[in-house]
ModelCIF file with pLDDT and N, C-alpha, C, O atoms, coordinates in Angstrom:
data_MODEL
#
_entry.id   MODEL 
#
_entity.id                         1 
_entity.type                       polymer 
_entity.pdbx_number_of_molecules   1 
#
_entity_poly.entity_id                      1 
_entity_poly.type                           'polypeptide(L)' 
_entity_poly.nstd_linkage                   no 
_entity_poly.nstd_monomer                   no 
_entity_poly.pdbx_seq_one_letter_code       
;(UNK)(UNK)(UNK)(UNK)(UNK)(UNK)(UNK)(UNK)(UNK)(UNK)(UNK)(UNK)(UNK)(UNK)(UNK)(UNK)
(UNK)(UNK)(UNK)(UNK)(UNK)(UNK)(UNK)(UNK)(UNK)(UNK)(UNK)(UNK)(UNK)(UNK)(UNK)(UNK)
(UNK)(UNK)(UNK)(UNK)(UNK)(UNK)(UNK)(UNK)(UNK)
;
_entity_poly.pdbx_seq_one_letter_code_can   XXXXXXXXXXXXXXXXXXXXXXXXXXXXXXXXXXXXXXXXX 
_entity_poly.pdbx_strand_id                 A 
#
loop_
_entity_poly_seq.entity_id 
_entity_poly_seq.num 
_entity_poly_seq.mon_id 
_entity_poly_seq.hetero 
1 1  UNK n 
1 2  UNK n 
1 3  UNK n 
1 4  UNK n 
1 5  UNK n 
1 6  UNK n 
1 7  UNK n 
1 8  UNK n 
1 9  UNK n 
1 10 UNK n 
1 11 UNK n 
1 12 UNK n 
1 13 UNK n 
1 14 UNK n 
1 15 UNK n 
1 16 UNK n 
1 17 UNK n 
1 18 UNK n 
1 19 UNK n 
1 20 UNK n 
1 21 UNK n 
1 22 UNK n 
1 23 UNK n 
1 24 UNK n 
1 25 UNK n 
1 26 UNK n 
1 27 UNK n 
1 28 UNK n 
1 29 UNK n 
1 30 UNK n 
1 31 UNK n 
1 32 UNK n 
1 33 UNK n 
1 34 UNK n 
1 35 UNK n 
1 36 UNK n 
1 37 UNK n 
1 38 UNK n 
1 39 UNK n 
1 40 UNK n 
1 41 UNK n 
#
_struct_asym.id          A 
_struct_asym.entity_id   1 
#
loop_
_ma_qa_metric.id 
_ma_qa_metric.mode 
_ma_qa_metric.name 
_ma_qa_metric.software_group_id 
_ma_qa_metric.type 
1 global pLDDT . pLDDT 
2 local  pLDDT . pLDDT 
#
_ma_qa_metric_global.metric_id      1 
_ma_qa_metric_global.metric_value   93.10 
_ma_qa_metric_global.model_id       1 
_ma_qa_metric_global.ordinal_id     1 
#
loop_
_ma_qa_metric_local.label_asym_id 
_ma_qa_metric_local.label_comp_id 
_ma_qa_metric_local.label_seq_id 
_ma_qa_metric_local.metric_id 
_ma_qa_metric_local.metric_value 
_ma_qa_metric_local.model_id 
_ma_qa_metric_local.ordinal_id 
A UNK 1  2 94.00 1 1  
A UNK 2  2 94.00 1 2  
A UNK 3  2 93.00 1 3  
A UNK 4  2 93.00 1 4  
A UNK 5  2 95.00 1 5  
A UNK 6  2 95.00 1 6  
A UNK 7  2 94.00 1 7  
A UNK 8  2 94.00 1 8  
A UNK 9  2 95.00 1 9  
A UNK 10 2 96.00 1 10 
A UNK 11 2 96.00 1 11 
A UNK 12 2 94.00 1 12 
A UNK 13 2 93.00 1 13 
A UNK 14 2 90.00 1 14 
A UNK 15 2 89.00 1 15 
A UNK 16 2 91.00 1 16 
A UNK 17 2 93.00 1 17 
A UNK 18 2 92.00 1 18 
A UNK 19 2 91.00 1 19 
A UNK 20 2 94.00 1 20 
A UNK 21 2 95.00 1 21 
A UNK 22 2 95.00 1 22 
A UNK 23 2 95.00 1 23 
A UNK 24 2 95.00 1 24 
A UNK 25 2 95.00 1 25 
A UNK 26 2 96.00 1 26 
A UNK 27 2 94.00 1 27 
A UNK 28 2 92.00 1 28 
A UNK 29 2 95.00 1 29 
A UNK 30 2 94.00 1 30 
A UNK 31 2 96.00 1 31 
A UNK 32 2 96.00 1 32 
A UNK 33 2 96.00 1 33 
A UNK 34 2 96.00 1 34 
A UNK 35 2 94.00 1 35 
A UNK 36 2 92.00 1 36 
A UNK 37 2 90.00 1 37 
A UNK 38 2 87.00 1 38 
A UNK 39 2 87.00 1 39 
A UNK 40 2 87.00 1 40 
A UNK 41 2 84.00 1 41 
#
loop_
_atom_site.group_PDB 
_atom_site.id 
_atom_site.type_symbol 
_atom_site.label_atom_id 
_atom_site.label_alt_id 
_atom_site.label_comp_id 
_atom_site.label_asym_id 
_atom_site.label_entity_id 
_atom_site.label_seq_id 
_atom_site.pdbx_PDB_ins_code 
_atom_site.Cartn_x 
_atom_site.Cartn_y 
_atom_site.Cartn_z 
_atom_site.occupancy 
_atom_site.B_iso_or_equiv 
_atom_site.pdbx_formal_charge 
_atom_site.auth_seq_id 
_atom_site.auth_comp_id 
_atom_site.auth_asym_id 
_atom_site.auth_atom_id 
_atom_site.pdbx_PDB_model_num 
ATOM 1   N N  . UNK A 1 1  ? -3.055  22.894 -25.735 1.00 94.00 ? 1  UNK A N  1 
ATOM 2   C CA . UNK A 1 1  ? -4.584  22.517 -25.808 1.00 94.00 ? 1  UNK A CA 1 
ATOM 3   C C  . UNK A 1 1  ? -5.838  23.276 -25.445 1.00 94.00 ? 1  UNK A C  1 
ATOM 4   O O  . UNK A 1 1  ? -7.002  22.878 -25.498 1.00 94.00 ? 1  UNK A O  1 
ATOM 5   N N  . UNK A 1 2  ? -5.276  24.681 -24.991 1.00 94.00 ? 2  UNK A N  1 
ATOM 6   C CA . UNK A 1 2  ? -5.665  26.006 -24.678 1.00 94.00 ? 2  UNK A CA 1 
ATOM 7   C C  . UNK A 1 2  ? -5.487  26.997 -25.926 1.00 94.00 ? 2  UNK A C  1 
ATOM 8   O O  . UNK A 1 2  ? -6.285  27.933 -25.972 1.00 94.00 ? 2  UNK A O  1 
ATOM 9   N N  . UNK A 1 3  ? -4.794  26.923 -26.660 1.00 93.00 ? 3  UNK A N  1 
ATOM 10  C CA . UNK A 1 3  ? -4.150  28.208 -27.340 1.00 93.00 ? 3  UNK A CA 1 
ATOM 11  C C  . UNK A 1 3  ? -4.447  27.441 -28.614 1.00 93.00 ? 3  UNK A C  1 
ATOM 12  O O  . UNK A 1 3  ? -5.558  27.924 -28.832 1.00 93.00 ? 3  UNK A O  1 
ATOM 13  N N  . UNK A 1 4  ? -4.294  26.796 -29.370 1.00 93.00 ? 4  UNK A N  1 
ATOM 14  C CA . UNK A 1 4  ? -3.699  26.044 -30.701 1.00 93.00 ? 4  UNK A CA 1 
ATOM 15  C C  . UNK A 1 4  ? -4.696  26.999 -31.979 1.00 93.00 ? 4  UNK A C  1 
ATOM 16  O O  . UNK A 1 4  ? -4.427  27.260 -33.152 1.00 93.00 ? 4  UNK A O  1 
ATOM 17  N N  . UNK A 1 5  ? -5.840  27.318 -31.175 1.00 95.00 ? 5  UNK A N  1 
ATOM 18  C CA . UNK A 1 5  ? -6.990  28.212 -32.667 1.00 95.00 ? 5  UNK A CA 1 
ATOM 19  C C  . UNK A 1 5  ? -5.670  29.595 -32.943 1.00 95.00 ? 5  UNK A C  1 
ATOM 20  O O  . UNK A 1 5  ? -5.549  30.241 -33.984 1.00 95.00 ? 5  UNK A O  1 
ATOM 21  N N  . UNK A 1 6  ? -5.176  29.684 -32.206 1.00 95.00 ? 6  UNK A N  1 
ATOM 22  C CA . UNK A 1 6  ? -4.600  31.189 -32.288 1.00 95.00 ? 6  UNK A CA 1 
ATOM 23  C C  . UNK A 1 6  ? -2.778  30.916 -33.204 1.00 95.00 ? 6  UNK A C  1 
ATOM 24  O O  . UNK A 1 6  ? -1.953  31.696 -33.679 1.00 95.00 ? 6  UNK A O  1 
ATOM 25  N N  . UNK A 1 7  ? -2.859  29.350 -33.056 1.00 94.00 ? 7  UNK A N  1 
ATOM 26  C CA . UNK A 1 7  ? -1.589  29.241 -33.919 1.00 94.00 ? 7  UNK A CA 1 
ATOM 27  C C  . UNK A 1 7  ? -1.519  28.737 -35.217 1.00 94.00 ? 7  UNK A C  1 
ATOM 28  O O  . UNK A 1 7  ? -0.789  29.274 -36.050 1.00 94.00 ? 7  UNK A O  1 
ATOM 29  N N  . UNK A 1 8  ? -2.573  27.234 -35.617 1.00 94.00 ? 8  UNK A N  1 
ATOM 30  C CA . UNK A 1 8  ? -2.825  26.704 -36.488 1.00 94.00 ? 8  UNK A CA 1 
ATOM 31  C C  . UNK A 1 8  ? -4.012  27.574 -37.565 1.00 94.00 ? 8  UNK A C  1 
ATOM 32  O O  . UNK A 1 8  ? -5.168  27.958 -37.387 1.00 94.00 ? 8  UNK A O  1 
ATOM 33  N N  . UNK A 1 9  ? -3.188  27.630 -38.566 1.00 95.00 ? 9  UNK A N  1 
ATOM 34  C CA . UNK A 1 9  ? -4.290  28.364 -39.562 1.00 95.00 ? 9  UNK A CA 1 
ATOM 35  C C  . UNK A 1 9  ? -3.774  29.882 -39.778 1.00 95.00 ? 9  UNK A C  1 
ATOM 36  O O  . UNK A 1 9  ? -3.695  30.452 -40.866 1.00 95.00 ? 9  UNK A O  1 
ATOM 37  N N  . UNK A 1 10 ? -3.538  30.261 -38.880 1.00 96.00 ? 10 UNK A N  1 
ATOM 38  C CA . UNK A 1 10 ? -3.072  31.910 -38.749 1.00 96.00 ? 10 UNK A CA 1 
ATOM 39  C C  . UNK A 1 10 ? -1.838  32.241 -39.352 1.00 96.00 ? 10 UNK A C  1 
ATOM 40  O O  . UNK A 1 10 ? -0.792  31.596 -39.428 1.00 96.00 ? 10 UNK A O  1 
ATOM 41  N N  . UNK A 1 11 ? -2.299  33.906 -39.970 1.00 96.00 ? 11 UNK A N  1 
ATOM 42  C CA . UNK A 1 11 ? -1.205  34.610 -39.890 1.00 96.00 ? 11 UNK A CA 1 
ATOM 43  C C  . UNK A 1 11 ? -0.564  35.640 -39.201 1.00 96.00 ? 11 UNK A C  1 
ATOM 44  O O  . UNK A 1 11 ? -1.182  36.404 -38.459 1.00 96.00 ? 11 UNK A O  1 
ATOM 45  N N  . UNK A 1 12 ? 0.696   35.713 -39.411 1.00 94.00 ? 12 UNK A N  1 
ATOM 46  C CA . UNK A 1 12 ? 0.883   37.101 -38.489 1.00 94.00 ? 12 UNK A CA 1 
ATOM 47  C C  . UNK A 1 12 ? 0.484   38.411 -39.141 1.00 94.00 ? 12 UNK A C  1 
ATOM 48  O O  . UNK A 1 12 ? 0.505   38.556 -40.364 1.00 94.00 ? 12 UNK A O  1 
ATOM 49  N N  . UNK A 1 13 ? 0.111   39.384 -38.270 1.00 93.00 ? 13 UNK A N  1 
ATOM 50  C CA . UNK A 1 13 ? -0.446  40.637 -38.905 1.00 93.00 ? 13 UNK A CA 1 
ATOM 51  C C  . UNK A 1 13 ? 0.333   42.039 -38.718 1.00 93.00 ? 13 UNK A C  1 
ATOM 52  O O  . UNK A 1 13 ? 1.303   41.739 -38.022 1.00 93.00 ? 13 UNK A O  1 
ATOM 53  N N  . UNK A 1 14 ? 0.359   42.687 -38.847 1.00 90.00 ? 14 UNK A N  1 
ATOM 54  C CA . UNK A 1 14 ? 0.622   43.849 -39.016 1.00 90.00 ? 14 UNK A CA 1 
ATOM 55  C C  . UNK A 1 14 ? 0.031   44.738 -37.279 1.00 90.00 ? 14 UNK A C  1 
ATOM 56  O O  . UNK A 1 14 ? -1.196  44.775 -37.182 1.00 90.00 ? 14 UNK A O  1 
ATOM 57  N N  . UNK A 1 15 ? 0.525   45.138 -36.515 1.00 89.00 ? 15 UNK A N  1 
ATOM 58  C CA . UNK A 1 15 ? 2.147   45.689 -36.612 1.00 89.00 ? 15 UNK A CA 1 
ATOM 59  C C  . UNK A 1 15 ? 3.015   44.090 -36.009 1.00 89.00 ? 15 UNK A C  1 
ATOM 60  O O  . UNK A 1 15 ? 4.113   44.165 -35.457 1.00 89.00 ? 15 UNK A O  1 
ATOM 61  N N  . UNK A 1 16 ? 2.488   43.090 -36.176 1.00 91.00 ? 16 UNK A N  1 
ATOM 62  C CA . UNK A 1 16 ? 3.461   41.977 -35.589 1.00 91.00 ? 16 UNK A CA 1 
ATOM 63  C C  . UNK A 1 16 ? 3.777   41.893 -34.272 1.00 91.00 ? 16 UNK A C  1 
ATOM 64  O O  . UNK A 1 16 ? 3.445   40.879 -33.659 1.00 91.00 ? 16 UNK A O  1 
ATOM 65  N N  . UNK A 1 17 ? 4.325   42.721 -33.754 1.00 93.00 ? 17 UNK A N  1 
ATOM 66  C CA . UNK A 1 17 ? 4.645   42.670 -32.243 1.00 93.00 ? 17 UNK A CA 1 
ATOM 67  C C  . UNK A 1 17 ? 4.132   44.250 -31.721 1.00 93.00 ? 17 UNK A C  1 
ATOM 68  O O  . UNK A 1 17 ? 4.360   45.264 -32.380 1.00 93.00 ? 17 UNK A O  1 
ATOM 69  N N  . UNK A 1 18 ? 3.568   44.241 -30.714 1.00 92.00 ? 18 UNK A N  1 
ATOM 70  C CA . UNK A 1 18 ? 3.654   45.437 -29.659 1.00 92.00 ? 18 UNK A CA 1 
ATOM 71  C C  . UNK A 1 18 ? 3.903   45.332 -28.591 1.00 92.00 ? 18 UNK A C  1 
ATOM 72  O O  . UNK A 1 18 ? 3.043   44.912 -27.817 1.00 92.00 ? 18 UNK A O  1 
ATOM 73  N N  . UNK A 1 19 ? 5.278   45.701 -28.112 1.00 91.00 ? 19 UNK A N  1 
ATOM 74  C CA . UNK A 1 19 ? 5.540   45.198 -26.764 1.00 91.00 ? 19 UNK A CA 1 
ATOM 75  C C  . UNK A 1 19 ? 5.145   44.048 -26.478 1.00 91.00 ? 19 UNK A C  1 
ATOM 76  O O  . UNK A 1 19 ? 5.118   43.245 -27.411 1.00 91.00 ? 19 UNK A O  1 
ATOM 77  N N  . UNK A 1 20 ? 4.708   43.579 -25.106 1.00 94.00 ? 20 UNK A N  1 
ATOM 78  C CA . UNK A 1 20 ? 4.818   41.937 -24.994 1.00 94.00 ? 20 UNK A CA 1 
ATOM 79  C C  . UNK A 1 20 ? 3.119   41.771 -26.150 1.00 94.00 ? 20 UNK A C  1 
ATOM 80  O O  . UNK A 1 20 ? 2.185   41.092 -25.722 1.00 94.00 ? 20 UNK A O  1 
ATOM 81  N N  . UNK A 1 21 ? 3.077   42.081 -26.747 1.00 95.00 ? 21 UNK A N  1 
ATOM 82  C CA . UNK A 1 21 ? 1.734   41.854 -27.311 1.00 95.00 ? 21 UNK A CA 1 
ATOM 83  C C  . UNK A 1 21 ? 2.332   40.979 -29.169 1.00 95.00 ? 21 UNK A C  1 
ATOM 84  O O  . UNK A 1 21 ? 2.946   41.613 -30.027 1.00 95.00 ? 21 UNK A O  1 
ATOM 85  N N  . UNK A 1 22 ? 2.063   40.020 -29.258 1.00 95.00 ? 22 UNK A N  1 
ATOM 86  C CA . UNK A 1 22 ? 2.105   39.118 -30.687 1.00 95.00 ? 22 UNK A CA 1 
ATOM 87  C C  . UNK A 1 22 ? 0.841   39.233 -31.182 1.00 95.00 ? 22 UNK A C  1 
ATOM 88  O O  . UNK A 1 22 ? -0.112  39.150 -30.406 1.00 95.00 ? 22 UNK A O  1 
ATOM 89  N N  . UNK A 1 23 ? 0.615   39.482 -32.812 1.00 95.00 ? 23 UNK A N  1 
ATOM 90  C CA . UNK A 1 23 ? -0.755  39.509 -33.470 1.00 95.00 ? 23 UNK A CA 1 
ATOM 91  C C  . UNK A 1 23 ? -0.982  38.366 -34.635 1.00 95.00 ? 23 UNK A C  1 
ATOM 92  O O  . UNK A 1 23 ? -0.369  38.423 -35.700 1.00 95.00 ? 23 UNK A O  1 
ATOM 93  N N  . UNK A 1 24 ? -2.048  37.185 -34.288 1.00 95.00 ? 24 UNK A N  1 
ATOM 94  C CA . UNK A 1 24 ? -2.482  36.573 -35.774 1.00 95.00 ? 24 UNK A CA 1 
ATOM 95  C C  . UNK A 1 24 ? -3.773  36.719 -36.037 1.00 95.00 ? 24 UNK A C  1 
ATOM 96  O O  . UNK A 1 24 ? -4.549  37.325 -35.298 1.00 95.00 ? 24 UNK A O  1 
ATOM 97  N N  . UNK A 1 25 ? -4.054  36.216 -37.022 1.00 95.00 ? 25 UNK A N  1 
ATOM 98  C CA . UNK A 1 25 ? -5.216  36.359 -37.748 1.00 95.00 ? 25 UNK A CA 1 
ATOM 99  C C  . UNK A 1 25 ? -5.650  35.188 -38.356 1.00 95.00 ? 25 UNK A C  1 
ATOM 100 O O  . UNK A 1 25 ? -4.881  34.548 -39.073 1.00 95.00 ? 25 UNK A O  1 
ATOM 101 N N  . UNK A 1 26 ? -6.792  34.834 -38.153 1.00 96.00 ? 26 UNK A N  1 
ATOM 102 C CA . UNK A 1 26 ? -7.469  33.866 -38.867 1.00 96.00 ? 26 UNK A CA 1 
ATOM 103 C C  . UNK A 1 26 ? -9.048  34.338 -39.308 1.00 96.00 ? 26 UNK A C  1 
ATOM 104 O O  . UNK A 1 26 ? -9.941  34.653 -38.521 1.00 96.00 ? 26 UNK A O  1 
ATOM 105 N N  . UNK A 1 27 ? -9.132  34.293 -40.808 1.00 94.00 ? 27 UNK A N  1 
ATOM 106 C CA . UNK A 1 27 ? -10.510 34.973 -41.333 1.00 94.00 ? 27 UNK A CA 1 
ATOM 107 C C  . UNK A 1 27 ? -10.662 36.534 -40.645 1.00 94.00 ? 27 UNK A C  1 
ATOM 108 O O  . UNK A 1 27 ? -9.888  37.485 -40.755 1.00 94.00 ? 27 UNK A O  1 
ATOM 109 N N  . UNK A 1 28 ? -12.060 36.429 -39.830 1.00 92.00 ? 28 UNK A N  1 
ATOM 110 C CA . UNK A 1 28 ? -12.380 37.755 -39.329 1.00 92.00 ? 28 UNK A CA 1 
ATOM 111 C C  . UNK A 1 28 ? -12.328 38.140 -37.885 1.00 92.00 ? 28 UNK A C  1 
ATOM 112 O O  . UNK A 1 28 ? -12.965 39.019 -37.305 1.00 92.00 ? 28 UNK A O  1 
ATOM 113 N N  . UNK A 1 29 ? -11.036 36.921 -37.219 1.00 95.00 ? 29 UNK A N  1 
ATOM 114 C CA . UNK A 1 29 ? -10.631 36.750 -35.811 1.00 95.00 ? 29 UNK A CA 1 
ATOM 115 C C  . UNK A 1 29 ? -9.238  37.486 -35.637 1.00 95.00 ? 29 UNK A C  1 
ATOM 116 O O  . UNK A 1 29 ? -8.361  37.473 -36.501 1.00 95.00 ? 29 UNK A O  1 
ATOM 117 N N  . UNK A 1 30 ? -9.170  37.952 -34.752 1.00 94.00 ? 30 UNK A N  1 
ATOM 118 C CA . UNK A 1 30 ? -7.434  38.723 -34.441 1.00 94.00 ? 30 UNK A CA 1 
ATOM 119 C C  . UNK A 1 30 ? -7.550  38.110 -33.292 1.00 94.00 ? 30 UNK A C  1 
ATOM 120 O O  . UNK A 1 30 ? -8.579  37.977 -32.631 1.00 94.00 ? 30 UNK A O  1 
ATOM 121 N N  . UNK A 1 31 ? -6.173  37.622 -32.980 1.00 96.00 ? 31 UNK A N  1 
ATOM 122 C CA . UNK A 1 31 ? -5.532  36.959 -31.571 1.00 96.00 ? 31 UNK A CA 1 
ATOM 123 C C  . UNK A 1 31 ? -4.202  37.819 -31.383 1.00 96.00 ? 31 UNK A C  1 
ATOM 124 O O  . UNK A 1 31 ? -3.326  38.133 -32.190 1.00 96.00 ? 31 UNK A O  1 
ATOM 125 N N  . UNK A 1 32 ? -4.394  38.129 -29.817 1.00 96.00 ? 32 UNK A N  1 
ATOM 126 C CA . UNK A 1 32 ? -3.463  38.743 -29.235 1.00 96.00 ? 32 UNK A CA 1 
ATOM 127 C C  . UNK A 1 32 ? -2.536  38.191 -28.316 1.00 96.00 ? 32 UNK A C  1 
ATOM 128 O O  . UNK A 1 32 ? -2.910  38.061 -27.150 1.00 96.00 ? 32 UNK A O  1 
ATOM 129 N N  . UNK A 1 33 ? -1.165  37.775 -28.702 1.00 96.00 ? 33 UNK A N  1 
ATOM 130 C CA . UNK A 1 33 ? -0.744  36.834 -27.437 1.00 96.00 ? 33 UNK A CA 1 
ATOM 131 C C  . UNK A 1 33 ? -0.028  37.635 -26.892 1.00 96.00 ? 33 UNK A C  1 
ATOM 132 O O  . UNK A 1 33 ? 0.626   38.450 -27.542 1.00 96.00 ? 33 UNK A O  1 
ATOM 133 N N  . UNK A 1 34 ? -0.003  37.563 -25.518 1.00 96.00 ? 34 UNK A N  1 
ATOM 134 C CA . UNK A 1 34 ? 0.256   38.267 -24.373 1.00 96.00 ? 34 UNK A CA 1 
ATOM 135 C C  . UNK A 1 34 ? 1.889   37.623 -23.909 1.00 96.00 ? 34 UNK A C  1 
ATOM 136 O O  . UNK A 1 34 ? 1.928   36.802 -22.993 1.00 96.00 ? 34 UNK A O  1 
ATOM 137 N N  . UNK A 1 35 ? 2.782   37.921 -24.385 1.00 94.00 ? 35 UNK A N  1 
ATOM 138 C CA . UNK A 1 35 ? 3.929   37.398 -23.798 1.00 94.00 ? 35 UNK A CA 1 
ATOM 139 C C  . UNK A 1 35 ? 4.936   38.180 -22.881 1.00 94.00 ? 35 UNK A C  1 
ATOM 140 O O  . UNK A 1 35 ? 5.752   39.070 -23.119 1.00 94.00 ? 35 UNK A O  1 
ATOM 141 N N  . UNK A 1 36 ? 4.405   37.209 -21.234 1.00 92.00 ? 36 UNK A N  1 
ATOM 142 C CA . UNK A 1 36 ? 4.905   38.059 -20.128 1.00 92.00 ? 36 UNK A CA 1 
ATOM 143 C C  . UNK A 1 36 ? 6.290   37.836 -20.158 1.00 92.00 ? 36 UNK A C  1 
ATOM 144 O O  . UNK A 1 36 ? 6.873   36.963 -20.801 1.00 92.00 ? 36 UNK A O  1 
ATOM 145 N N  . UNK A 1 37 ? 6.880   38.866 -19.262 1.00 90.00 ? 37 UNK A N  1 
ATOM 146 C CA . UNK A 1 37 ? 8.661   38.884 -18.642 1.00 90.00 ? 37 UNK A CA 1 
ATOM 147 C C  . UNK A 1 37 ? 8.801   37.925 -18.085 1.00 90.00 ? 37 UNK A C  1 
ATOM 148 O O  . UNK A 1 37 ? 7.915   37.291 -17.511 1.00 90.00 ? 37 UNK A O  1 
ATOM 149 N N  . UNK A 1 38 ? 9.916   37.664 -18.160 1.00 87.00 ? 38 UNK A N  1 
ATOM 150 C CA . UNK A 1 38 ? 10.529  36.435 -17.718 1.00 87.00 ? 38 UNK A CA 1 
ATOM 151 C C  . UNK A 1 38 ? 10.199  35.820 -15.994 1.00 87.00 ? 38 UNK A C  1 
ATOM 152 O O  . UNK A 1 38 ? 10.298  34.639 -15.664 1.00 87.00 ? 38 UNK A O  1 
ATOM 153 N N  . UNK A 1 39 ? 9.790   36.992 -15.055 1.00 87.00 ? 39 UNK A N  1 
ATOM 154 C CA . UNK A 1 39 ? 9.370   37.088 -13.336 1.00 87.00 ? 39 UNK A CA 1 
ATOM 155 C C  . UNK A 1 39 ? 7.803   37.137 -13.790 1.00 87.00 ? 39 UNK A C  1 
ATOM 156 O O  . UNK A 1 39 ? 7.084   36.573 -12.965 1.00 87.00 ? 39 UNK A O  1 
ATOM 157 N N  . UNK A 1 40 ? 7.306   37.524 -14.587 1.00 87.00 ? 40 UNK A N  1 
ATOM 158 C CA . UNK A 1 40 ? 5.874   37.369 -14.799 1.00 87.00 ? 40 UNK A CA 1 
ATOM 159 C C  . UNK A 1 40 ? 4.917   36.012 -14.481 1.00 87.00 ? 40 UNK A C  1 
ATOM 160 O O  . UNK A 1 40 ? 4.977   35.142 -15.350 1.00 87.00 ? 40 UNK A O  1 
ATOM 161 N N  . UNK A 1 41 ? 4.188   35.790 -13.520 1.00 84.00 ? 41 UNK A N  1 
ATOM 162 C CA . UNK A 1 41 ? 3.054   34.488 -13.739 1.00 84.00 ? 41 UNK A CA 1 
ATOM 163 C C  . UNK A 1 41 ? 2.093   34.478 -13.236 1.00 84.00 ? 41 UNK A C  1 
ATOM 164 O O  . UNK A 1 41 ? 1.314   33.542 -13.413 1.00 84.00 ? 41 UNK A O  1 
#
């Protein structure tokens, strides 16, 4: 409900993954998805 716009209708972009960040893009908008560690809340 919060994040669907960064998933649907997007495509992965280089460098695809950087440490804890994964990148997607839709049009001129870039999304950087922060993927926390196991104990990171």
